[in-house]
Amino acid sequence: MTTVEAYELGFELGQLVRAGKFPMVAPLELS
């Protein structure tokens, strides 16, 4: 996995967290 791919994956996960799809992960994303 390249750095760009890792960044894009992290961004997508962050968007899902903020959308409320992974509320359990939200504290980790926002901390």
N, C-alpha and C. Protein backbone atom coordinates (compact mmCIF):
# COMPACT_ATOMS: atom_id res chain seq x y z
N MET A 1 0.85 -1.20 0.00
CA MET A 1 0.00 0.00 0.00
C MET A 1 0.88 1.24 0.00
N THR A 2 0.57 2.17 -0.87
CA THR A 2 1.36 3.40 -0.94
C THR A 2 0.85 4.40 0.10
N THR A 3 1.64 5.44 0.32
CA THR A 3 1.25 6.47 1.29
C THR A 3 -0.06 7.13 0.86
N VAL A 4 -0.19 7.36 -0.44
CA VAL A 4 -1.41 7.99 -0.95
C VAL A 4 -2.62 7.11 -0.71
N GLU A 5 -2.48 5.81 -0.95
CA GLU A 5 -3.58 4.89 -0.73
C GLU A 5 -3.97 4.86 0.75
N ALA A 6 -2.96 4.85 1.61
CA ALA A 6 -3.23 4.84 3.04
C ALA A 6 -3.96 6.11 3.46
N TYR A 7 -3.54 7.24 2.89
CA TYR A 7 -4.18 8.52 3.21
C TYR A 7 -5.64 8.51 2.76
N GLU A 8 -5.87 8.03 1.54
CA GLU A 8 -7.23 8.00 1.01
C GLU A 8 -8.12 7.08 1.83
N LEU A 9 -7.57 5.92 2.25
CA LEU A 9 -8.35 4.99 3.07
C LEU A 9 -8.71 5.65 4.40
N GLY A 10 -7.72 6.30 5.02
CA GLY A 10 -7.98 6.97 6.29
C GLY A 10 -9.04 8.05 6.14
N PHE A 11 -8.97 8.78 5.02
CA PHE A 11 -9.95 9.85 4.78
C PHE A 11 -11.34 9.27 4.64
N GLU A 12 -11.46 8.17 3.89
CA GLU A 12 -12.76 7.53 3.69
C GLU A 12 -13.33 7.04 5.02
N LEU A 13 -12.47 6.43 5.84
CA LEU A 13 -12.92 5.95 7.15
C LEU A 13 -13.37 7.12 8.01
N GLY A 14 -12.61 8.22 7.95
CA GLY A 14 -12.98 9.40 8.72
C GLY A 14 -14.34 9.94 8.31
N GLN A 15 -14.60 9.94 7.00
CA GLN A 15 -15.89 10.42 6.50
C GLN A 15 -17.03 9.53 7.02
N LEU A 16 -16.81 8.22 7.02
CA LEU A 16 -17.83 7.29 7.52
C LEU A 16 -18.08 7.51 9.00
N VAL A 17 -17.00 7.72 9.74
CA VAL A 17 -17.13 7.96 11.18
C VAL A 17 -17.96 9.22 11.43
N ARG A 18 -17.63 10.28 10.71
CA ARG A 18 -18.36 11.54 10.91
C ARG A 18 -19.80 11.43 10.42
N ALA A 19 -20.05 10.50 9.50
CA ALA A 19 -21.41 10.29 9.01
C ALA A 19 -22.22 9.45 10.01
N GLY A 20 -21.54 8.91 11.03
CA GLY A 20 -22.23 8.15 12.07
C GLY A 20 -22.34 6.67 11.77
N LYS A 21 -21.64 6.19 10.72
CA LYS A 21 -21.74 4.79 10.37
C LYS A 21 -20.91 3.91 11.32
N PHE A 22 -19.90 4.53 11.97
CA PHE A 22 -19.07 3.79 12.92
C PHE A 22 -18.95 4.59 14.21
N PRO A 23 -20.07 4.75 14.93
CA PRO A 23 -20.06 5.60 16.13
C PRO A 23 -19.07 5.13 17.19
N MET A 24 -18.78 3.83 17.23
CA MET A 24 -17.85 3.30 18.22
C MET A 24 -16.44 3.80 17.96
N VAL A 25 -16.15 4.16 16.72
CA VAL A 25 -14.80 4.58 16.34
C VAL A 25 -14.65 6.10 16.43
N ALA A 26 -15.77 6.80 16.53
CA ALA A 26 -15.76 8.26 16.52
C ALA A 26 -14.79 8.88 17.54
N PRO A 27 -14.78 8.41 18.79
CA PRO A 27 -13.86 9.01 19.77
C PRO A 27 -12.40 8.89 19.34
N LEU A 28 -12.05 7.80 18.68
CA LEU A 28 -10.67 7.62 18.22
C LEU A 28 -10.36 8.60 17.10
N GLU A 29 -11.30 8.78 16.19
CA GLU A 29 -11.10 9.67 15.05
C GLU A 29 -10.99 11.12 15.49
N LEU A 30 -11.78 11.50 16.49
CA LEU A 30 -11.85 12.90 16.90
C LEU A 30 -10.80 13.28 17.94
N SER A 31 -10.21 12.30 18.60
CA SER A 31 -9.26 12.60 19.68
C SER A 31 -7.94 13.12 19.14
